[in-house]
Amino acid sequence: GQAAFTDDVNMKRQLHIMCSEEREHLKICHGRLDELGAKGSIFNGLWYLSSFTLGALAGLTQKRYGAGFIEETEKQVSRHLDDSIDKLPVPDLRSREMLGYIKEDEAKHEKKAIEMGSEDIPNVAKESMHLLSKIMKKITYYI
């Protein structure tokens, strides 16, 4: 969503690169779920829509908070990945490796956001993002 609404050419280019990598992460995760005989969440479409909407709002803030939104998103995703890795069964090395690879990419995205001049987003935005992710995780876990 952010790439669709920003008019910063450099930001748009970087976002398209990051989006391509995020699509690769989704392929990796879906592939692993297939290997395990599991299915993704029935809410994936809703999660995409909420993510797109948050990104669009960040894109509308233009350069001021655009890179900051990316940085904060990547920080929160990294914490979520750490939590997921910690919950994996010890022998599931393949899933650990895959999530570790994804975490490395997320760290690169965070670093790129800082290089683009990331400005800290307001705490209310950080807290709202965190709350939304907690709700999404709970719903996905129980349904």
N, C-alpha and C. Protein backbone atom coordinates (compact mmCIF):
# COMPACT_ATOMS: atom_id res chain seq x y z
N GLY A 1 0.80 -1.19 0.00
CA GLY A 1 0.00 0.00 0.00
C GLY A 1 0.85 1.26 0.00
N GLN A 2 1.96 1.20 0.72
CA GLN A 2 2.82 2.38 0.82
C GLN A 2 3.40 2.73 -0.55
N ALA A 3 3.81 1.73 -1.31
CA ALA A 3 4.38 1.98 -2.63
C ALA A 3 3.36 2.62 -3.57
N ALA A 4 2.09 2.28 -3.39
CA ALA A 4 1.04 2.82 -4.25
C ALA A 4 0.77 4.30 -3.98
N PHE A 5 1.06 4.76 -2.77
CA PHE A 5 0.67 6.11 -2.40
C PHE A 5 1.81 7.09 -2.19
N THR A 6 3.04 6.62 -2.14
CA THR A 6 4.14 7.56 -1.97
C THR A 6 4.49 8.20 -3.31
N ASP A 7 4.90 9.45 -3.26
CA ASP A 7 5.37 10.08 -4.50
C ASP A 7 6.89 10.24 -4.49
N ASP A 8 7.54 9.66 -3.49
CA ASP A 8 9.00 9.65 -3.39
C ASP A 8 9.52 8.51 -4.26
N VAL A 9 10.18 8.85 -5.35
CA VAL A 9 10.63 7.86 -6.34
C VAL A 9 11.58 6.84 -5.73
N ASN A 10 12.54 7.29 -4.92
CA ASN A 10 13.49 6.37 -4.30
C ASN A 10 12.76 5.43 -3.33
N MET A 11 11.86 5.99 -2.54
CA MET A 11 11.08 5.18 -1.59
C MET A 11 10.27 4.13 -2.35
N LYS A 12 9.63 4.54 -3.42
CA LYS A 12 8.81 3.62 -4.22
C LYS A 12 9.67 2.48 -4.76
N ARG A 13 10.86 2.81 -5.27
CA ARG A 13 11.76 1.79 -5.81
C ARG A 13 12.17 0.80 -4.72
N GLN A 14 12.55 1.31 -3.57
CA GLN A 14 12.95 0.43 -2.46
C GLN A 14 11.78 -0.43 -1.98
N LEU A 15 10.60 0.16 -1.93
CA LEU A 15 9.42 -0.60 -1.51
C LEU A 15 9.11 -1.74 -2.47
N HIS A 16 9.27 -1.49 -3.76
CA HIS A 16 9.03 -2.56 -4.74
C HIS A 16 10.02 -3.71 -4.56
N ILE A 17 11.26 -3.38 -4.26
CA ILE A 17 12.26 -4.43 -3.99
C ILE A 17 11.86 -5.21 -2.74
N MET A 18 11.49 -4.49 -1.69
CA MET A 18 11.09 -5.15 -0.44
C MET A 18 9.84 -6.00 -0.64
N CYS A 19 8.89 -5.50 -1.43
CA CYS A 19 7.66 -6.27 -1.69
C CYS A 19 7.97 -7.57 -2.41
N SER A 20 8.90 -7.52 -3.33
CA SER A 20 9.31 -8.74 -4.04
C SER A 20 9.88 -9.75 -3.05
N GLU A 21 10.70 -9.28 -2.13
CA GLU A 21 11.27 -10.17 -1.11
C GLU A 21 10.20 -10.70 -0.17
N GLU A 22 9.21 -9.86 0.17
CA GLU A 22 8.12 -10.31 1.03
C GLU A 22 7.28 -11.39 0.34
N ARG A 23 7.07 -11.25 -0.96
CA ARG A 23 6.35 -12.30 -1.71
C ARG A 23 7.14 -13.61 -1.66
N GLU A 24 8.46 -13.52 -1.73
CA GLU A 24 9.30 -14.71 -1.61
C GLU A 24 9.15 -15.34 -0.23
N HIS A 25 9.05 -14.52 0.79
CA HIS A 25 8.85 -15.04 2.15
C HIS A 25 7.52 -15.79 2.24
N LEU A 26 6.50 -15.24 1.62
CA LEU A 26 5.19 -15.92 1.62
C LEU A 26 5.28 -17.27 0.91
N LYS A 27 5.99 -17.31 -0.20
CA LYS A 27 6.17 -18.58 -0.92
C LYS A 27 6.89 -19.60 -0.05
N ILE A 28 7.93 -19.15 0.64
CA ILE A 28 8.67 -20.04 1.54
C ILE A 28 7.75 -20.60 2.62
N CYS A 29 6.99 -19.72 3.24
CA CYS A 29 6.09 -20.15 4.32
C CYS A 29 5.00 -21.08 3.81
N HIS A 30 4.40 -20.74 2.68
CA HIS A 30 3.36 -21.61 2.13
C HIS A 30 3.93 -22.96 1.72
N GLY A 31 5.14 -22.95 1.17
CA GLY A 31 5.79 -24.21 0.82
C GLY A 31 6.04 -25.08 2.04
N ARG A 32 6.47 -24.46 3.12
CA ARG A 32 6.71 -25.23 4.35
C ARG A 32 5.41 -25.76 4.92
N LEU A 33 4.36 -24.97 4.89
CA LEU A 33 3.06 -25.45 5.35
C LEU A 33 2.62 -26.66 4.52
N ASP A 34 2.82 -26.60 3.21
CA ASP A 34 2.48 -27.74 2.34
C ASP A 34 3.28 -28.97 2.74
N GLU A 35 4.58 -28.79 2.98
CA GLU A 35 5.43 -29.92 3.39
C GLU A 35 4.93 -30.56 4.68
N LEU A 36 4.41 -29.73 5.57
CA LEU A 36 3.93 -30.22 6.86
C LEU A 36 2.48 -30.70 6.82
N GLY A 37 1.85 -30.55 5.65
CA GLY A 37 0.44 -30.94 5.52
C GLY A 37 -0.50 -29.99 6.25
N ALA A 38 -0.07 -28.76 6.41
CA ALA A 38 -0.88 -27.75 7.11
C ALA A 38 -1.41 -26.73 6.11
N LYS A 39 -2.31 -25.90 6.57
CA LYS A 39 -2.90 -24.86 5.73
C LYS A 39 -2.63 -23.49 6.34
N GLY A 40 -2.64 -22.49 5.48
CA GLY A 40 -2.52 -21.11 5.95
C GLY A 40 -3.84 -20.66 6.56
N SER A 41 -3.84 -19.48 7.11
CA SER A 41 -5.03 -18.93 7.75
C SER A 41 -6.11 -18.61 6.72
N ILE A 42 -7.35 -18.85 7.10
CA ILE A 42 -8.46 -18.47 6.23
C ILE A 42 -8.59 -16.94 6.17
N PHE A 43 -7.88 -16.26 7.03
CA PHE A 43 -7.94 -14.80 7.09
C PHE A 43 -6.82 -14.12 6.30
N ASN A 44 -6.04 -14.86 5.53
CA ASN A 44 -4.91 -14.26 4.83
C ASN A 44 -5.31 -13.05 3.99
N GLY A 45 -6.44 -13.13 3.32
CA GLY A 45 -6.91 -11.99 2.52
C GLY A 45 -7.17 -10.76 3.37
N LEU A 46 -7.77 -10.98 4.53
CA LEU A 46 -8.04 -9.87 5.45
C LEU A 46 -6.73 -9.29 5.99
N TRP A 47 -5.77 -10.16 6.30
CA TRP A 47 -4.47 -9.68 6.79
C TRP A 47 -3.78 -8.85 5.71
N TYR A 48 -3.87 -9.30 4.47
CA TYR A 48 -3.26 -8.54 3.38
C TYR A 48 -3.92 -7.16 3.27
N LEU A 49 -5.25 -7.14 3.33
CA LEU A 49 -5.97 -5.87 3.23
C LEU A 49 -5.59 -4.92 4.36
N SER A 50 -5.48 -5.43 5.57
CA SER A 50 -5.11 -4.56 6.70
C SER A 50 -3.68 -4.05 6.53
N SER A 51 -2.79 -4.91 6.06
CA SER A 51 -1.40 -4.52 5.82
C SER A 51 -1.33 -3.46 4.72
N PHE A 52 -2.08 -3.68 3.64
CA PHE A 52 -2.11 -2.72 2.53
C PHE A 52 -2.61 -1.37 3.03
N THR A 53 -3.66 -1.39 3.84
CA THR A 53 -4.25 -0.15 4.36
C THR A 53 -3.26 0.61 5.23
N LEU A 54 -2.57 -0.09 6.14
CA LEU A 54 -1.57 0.57 6.97
C LEU A 54 -0.45 1.16 6.11
N GLY A 55 -0.02 0.40 5.12
CA GLY A 55 1.01 0.90 4.21
C GLY A 55 0.54 2.12 3.43
N ALA A 56 -0.71 2.09 2.99
CA ALA A 56 -1.26 3.23 2.26
C ALA A 56 -1.26 4.48 3.14
N LEU A 57 -1.66 4.31 4.40
CA LEU A 57 -1.64 5.46 5.32
C LEU A 57 -0.21 5.99 5.49
N ALA A 58 0.76 5.08 5.58
CA ALA A 58 2.16 5.51 5.69
C ALA A 58 2.59 6.22 4.42
N GLY A 59 2.14 5.73 3.27
CA GLY A 59 2.48 6.37 2.01
C GLY A 59 1.92 7.78 1.91
N LEU A 60 0.76 7.99 2.50
CA LEU A 60 0.15 9.32 2.47
C LEU A 60 0.88 10.32 3.35
N THR A 61 1.66 9.84 4.33
CA THR A 61 2.44 10.75 5.17
C THR A 61 3.67 11.26 4.43
N GLN A 62 3.88 10.70 3.27
CA GLN A 62 5.02 11.02 2.42
C GLN A 62 6.33 10.71 3.13
N LYS A 63 7.32 11.52 2.91
CA LYS A 63 8.65 11.17 3.36
C LYS A 63 8.81 11.23 4.89
N ARG A 64 8.03 12.05 5.55
CA ARG A 64 8.25 12.27 6.98
C ARG A 64 8.27 10.96 7.76
N TYR A 65 7.24 10.13 7.62
CA TYR A 65 7.17 8.90 8.39
C TYR A 65 7.28 7.65 7.54
N GLY A 66 7.43 7.79 6.25
CA GLY A 66 7.45 6.62 5.37
C GLY A 66 8.52 5.61 5.74
N ALA A 67 9.76 6.06 5.85
CA ALA A 67 10.85 5.14 6.20
C ALA A 67 10.72 4.69 7.65
N GLY A 68 10.19 5.56 8.51
CA GLY A 68 9.98 5.19 9.91
C GLY A 68 8.95 4.08 10.05
N PHE A 69 7.93 4.11 9.20
CA PHE A 69 6.92 3.05 9.21
C PHE A 69 7.57 1.72 8.80
N ILE A 70 8.42 1.76 7.79
CA ILE A 70 9.12 0.54 7.36
C ILE A 70 9.99 0.03 8.51
N GLU A 71 10.76 0.93 9.11
CA GLU A 71 11.65 0.52 10.20
C GLU A 71 10.87 -0.13 11.34
N GLU A 72 9.79 0.51 11.76
CA GLU A 72 9.00 -0.03 12.87
C GLU A 72 8.35 -1.36 12.49
N THR A 73 7.86 -1.46 11.27
CA THR A 73 7.27 -2.71 10.80
C THR A 73 8.28 -3.84 10.89
N GLU A 74 9.49 -3.59 10.41
CA GLU A 74 10.52 -4.62 10.41
C GLU A 74 10.93 -5.00 11.83
N LYS A 75 10.99 -4.04 12.73
CA LYS A 75 11.30 -4.35 14.13
C LYS A 75 10.24 -5.28 14.72
N GLN A 76 8.98 -4.96 14.46
CA GLN A 76 7.90 -5.77 15.01
C GLN A 76 7.85 -7.15 14.36
N VAL A 77 8.11 -7.22 13.06
CA VAL A 77 8.14 -8.52 12.38
C VAL A 77 9.28 -9.37 12.93
N SER A 78 10.43 -8.76 13.17
CA SER A 78 11.57 -9.50 13.72
C SER A 78 11.25 -10.08 15.09
N ARG A 79 10.58 -9.29 15.93
CA ARG A 79 10.18 -9.81 17.25
C ARG A 79 9.19 -10.96 17.10
N HIS A 80 8.28 -10.84 16.16
CA HIS A 80 7.31 -11.91 15.91
C HIS A 80 8.02 -13.18 15.42
N LEU A 81 9.00 -13.01 14.54
CA LEU A 81 9.76 -14.16 14.06
C LEU A 81 10.54 -14.82 15.19
N ASP A 82 11.15 -14.01 16.06
CA ASP A 82 11.86 -14.57 17.22
C ASP A 82 10.91 -15.40 18.07
N ASP A 83 9.72 -14.86 18.32
CA ASP A 83 8.71 -15.57 19.11
C ASP A 83 8.31 -16.87 18.43
N SER A 84 8.12 -16.83 17.13
CA SER A 84 7.73 -18.03 16.38
C SER A 84 8.84 -19.08 16.40
N ILE A 85 10.07 -18.64 16.23
CA ILE A 85 11.21 -19.56 16.26
C ILE A 85 11.32 -20.21 17.64
N ASP A 86 11.13 -19.42 18.69
CA ASP A 86 11.20 -19.96 20.06
C ASP A 86 10.14 -21.02 20.32
N LYS A 87 9.00 -20.92 19.65
CA LYS A 87 7.90 -21.86 19.87
C LYS A 87 8.00 -23.12 19.02
N LEU A 88 8.92 -23.14 18.07
CA LEU A 88 9.07 -24.32 17.22
C LEU A 88 9.62 -25.50 18.01
N PRO A 89 9.21 -26.71 17.65
CA PRO A 89 9.84 -27.88 18.28
C PRO A 89 11.34 -27.87 17.98
N VAL A 90 12.13 -28.24 18.96
CA VAL A 90 13.59 -28.21 18.82
C VAL A 90 14.07 -28.97 17.57
N PRO A 91 13.49 -30.14 17.25
CA PRO A 91 14.00 -30.87 16.08
C PRO A 91 13.62 -30.26 14.72
N ASP A 92 12.74 -29.26 14.70
CA ASP A 92 12.29 -28.70 13.42
C ASP A 92 13.31 -27.70 12.89
N LEU A 93 14.45 -28.22 12.49
CA LEU A 93 15.54 -27.37 12.00
C LEU A 93 15.20 -26.68 10.70
N ARG A 94 14.43 -27.35 9.85
CA ARG A 94 14.07 -26.77 8.55
C ARG A 94 13.26 -25.48 8.73
N SER A 95 12.25 -25.52 9.59
CA SER A 95 11.45 -24.31 9.83
C SER A 95 12.30 -23.21 10.47
N ARG A 96 13.17 -23.59 11.39
CA ARG A 96 14.06 -22.62 12.03
C ARG A 96 14.95 -21.94 10.98
N GLU A 97 15.48 -22.74 10.08
CA GLU A 97 16.34 -22.20 9.03
C GLU A 97 15.57 -21.23 8.14
N MET A 98 14.36 -21.62 7.75
CA MET A 98 13.55 -20.77 6.87
C MET A 98 13.19 -19.45 7.54
N LEU A 99 12.75 -19.52 8.78
CA LEU A 99 12.40 -18.29 9.49
C LEU A 99 13.63 -17.44 9.78
N GLY A 100 14.77 -18.08 10.00
CA GLY A 100 16.02 -17.35 10.19
C GLY A 100 16.40 -16.58 8.93
N TYR A 101 16.21 -17.21 7.77
CA TYR A 101 16.48 -16.55 6.49
C TYR A 101 15.58 -15.33 6.32
N ILE A 102 14.30 -15.51 6.62
CA ILE A 102 13.35 -14.41 6.51
C ILE A 102 13.73 -13.28 7.46
N LYS A 103 14.14 -13.64 8.67
CA LYS A 103 14.54 -12.63 9.65
C LYS A 103 15.74 -11.81 9.16
N GLU A 104 16.67 -12.46 8.48
CA GLU A 104 17.81 -11.74 7.91
C GLU A 104 17.34 -10.69 6.90
N ASP A 105 16.39 -11.07 6.05
CA ASP A 105 15.85 -10.11 5.09
C ASP A 105 15.16 -8.94 5.79
N GLU A 106 14.41 -9.24 6.84
CA GLU A 106 13.71 -8.19 7.58
C GLU A 106 14.73 -7.21 8.18
N ALA A 107 15.85 -7.72 8.67
CA ALA A 107 16.90 -6.85 9.22
C ALA A 107 17.48 -5.96 8.13
N LYS A 108 17.61 -6.50 6.91
CA LYS A 108 18.10 -5.69 5.78
C LYS A 108 17.11 -4.58 5.46
N HIS A 109 15.82 -4.90 5.52
CA HIS A 109 14.80 -3.89 5.24
C HIS A 109 14.84 -2.78 6.29
N GLU A 110 15.01 -3.17 7.54
CA GLU A 110 15.10 -2.18 8.62
C GLU A 110 16.32 -1.27 8.41
N LYS A 111 17.44 -1.88 8.07
CA LYS A 111 18.66 -1.11 7.82
C LYS A 111 18.47 -0.15 6.65
N LYS A 112 17.80 -0.62 5.60
CA LYS A 112 17.56 0.23 4.43
C LYS A 112 16.67 1.41 4.81
N ALA A 113 15.67 1.17 5.66
CA ALA A 113 14.79 2.26 6.10
C ALA A 113 15.60 3.32 6.85
N ILE A 114 16.52 2.88 7.68
CA ILE A 114 17.37 3.82 8.42
C ILE A 114 18.24 4.61 7.45
N GLU A 115 18.78 3.93 6.44
CA GLU A 115 19.60 4.61 5.43
C GLU A 115 18.79 5.63 4.64
N MET A 116 17.49 5.38 4.48
CA MET A 116 16.63 6.31 3.73
C MET A 116 16.20 7.51 4.59
N GLY A 117 16.67 7.57 5.82
CA GLY A 117 16.35 8.71 6.67
C GLY A 117 15.14 8.50 7.55
N SER A 118 15.01 7.31 8.06
CA SER A 118 13.88 6.96 8.92
C SER A 118 13.69 7.97 10.05
N GLU A 119 12.46 8.40 10.22
CA GLU A 119 12.10 9.27 11.34
C GLU A 119 11.15 8.48 12.22
N ASP A 120 11.39 8.51 13.51
CA ASP A 120 10.59 7.75 14.45
C ASP A 120 9.11 8.10 14.31
N ILE A 121 8.27 7.08 14.13
CA ILE A 121 6.84 7.34 14.02
C ILE A 121 6.26 7.56 15.42
N PRO A 122 5.11 8.22 15.52
CA PRO A 122 4.52 8.47 16.84
C PRO A 122 4.24 7.17 17.61
N ASN A 123 4.36 7.25 18.93
CA ASN A 123 4.12 6.06 19.77
C ASN A 123 2.74 5.48 19.57
N VAL A 124 1.75 6.32 19.35
CA VAL A 124 0.39 5.81 19.14
C VAL A 124 0.35 4.92 17.90
N ALA A 125 1.12 5.25 16.88
CA ALA A 125 1.18 4.42 15.67
C ALA A 125 1.86 3.09 15.97
N LYS A 126 2.97 3.14 16.72
CA LYS A 126 3.68 1.91 17.09
C LYS A 126 2.78 0.99 17.91
N GLU A 127 2.11 1.59 18.90
CA GLU A 127 1.24 0.80 19.77
C GLU A 127 0.05 0.22 19.00
N SER A 128 -0.49 0.99 18.07
CA SER A 128 -1.61 0.51 17.25
C SER A 128 -1.17 -0.65 16.37
N MET A 129 0.01 -0.54 15.78
CA MET A 129 0.55 -1.62 14.96
C MET A 129 0.73 -2.88 15.80
N HIS A 130 1.29 -2.71 16.99
CA HIS A 130 1.53 -3.84 17.88
C HIS A 130 0.22 -4.50 18.30
N LEU A 131 -0.76 -3.69 18.65
CA LEU A 131 -2.07 -4.22 19.04
C LEU A 131 -2.72 -4.97 17.89
N LEU A 132 -2.67 -4.40 16.70
CA LEU A 132 -3.25 -5.07 15.53
C LEU A 132 -2.57 -6.41 15.28
N SER A 133 -1.25 -6.45 15.42
CA SER A 133 -0.55 -7.72 15.18
C SER A 133 -0.91 -8.76 16.24
N LYS A 134 -1.09 -8.31 17.49
CA LYS A 134 -1.50 -9.25 18.55
C LYS A 134 -2.88 -9.83 18.26
N ILE A 135 -3.78 -8.98 17.81
CA ILE A 135 -5.13 -9.45 17.47
C ILE A 135 -5.06 -10.45 16.33
N MET A 136 -4.28 -10.13 15.30
CA MET A 136 -4.15 -11.03 14.15
C MET A 136 -3.58 -12.38 14.58
N LYS A 137 -2.55 -12.36 15.42
CA LYS A 137 -1.93 -13.61 15.87
C LYS A 137 -2.90 -14.45 16.69
N LYS A 138 -3.65 -13.81 17.58
CA LYS A 138 -4.62 -14.54 18.42
C LYS A 138 -5.70 -15.17 17.55
N ILE A 139 -6.25 -14.40 16.63
CA ILE A 139 -7.31 -14.93 15.76
C ILE A 139 -6.78 -16.10 14.94
N THR A 140 -5.60 -15.93 14.36
CA THR A 140 -5.02 -16.99 13.54
C THR A 140 -4.74 -18.23 14.37
N TYR A 141 -4.28 -18.06 15.58
CA TYR A 141 -3.95 -19.20 16.44
C TYR A 141 -5.20 -20.01 16.78
N TYR A 142 -6.28 -19.32 17.10
CA TYR A 142 -7.47 -20.02 17.58
C TYR A 142 -8.44 -20.44 16.47
N ILE A 143 -8.30 -19.88 15.29
CA ILE A 143 -9.24 -20.25 14.21
C ILE A 143 -8.47 -20.89 13.07
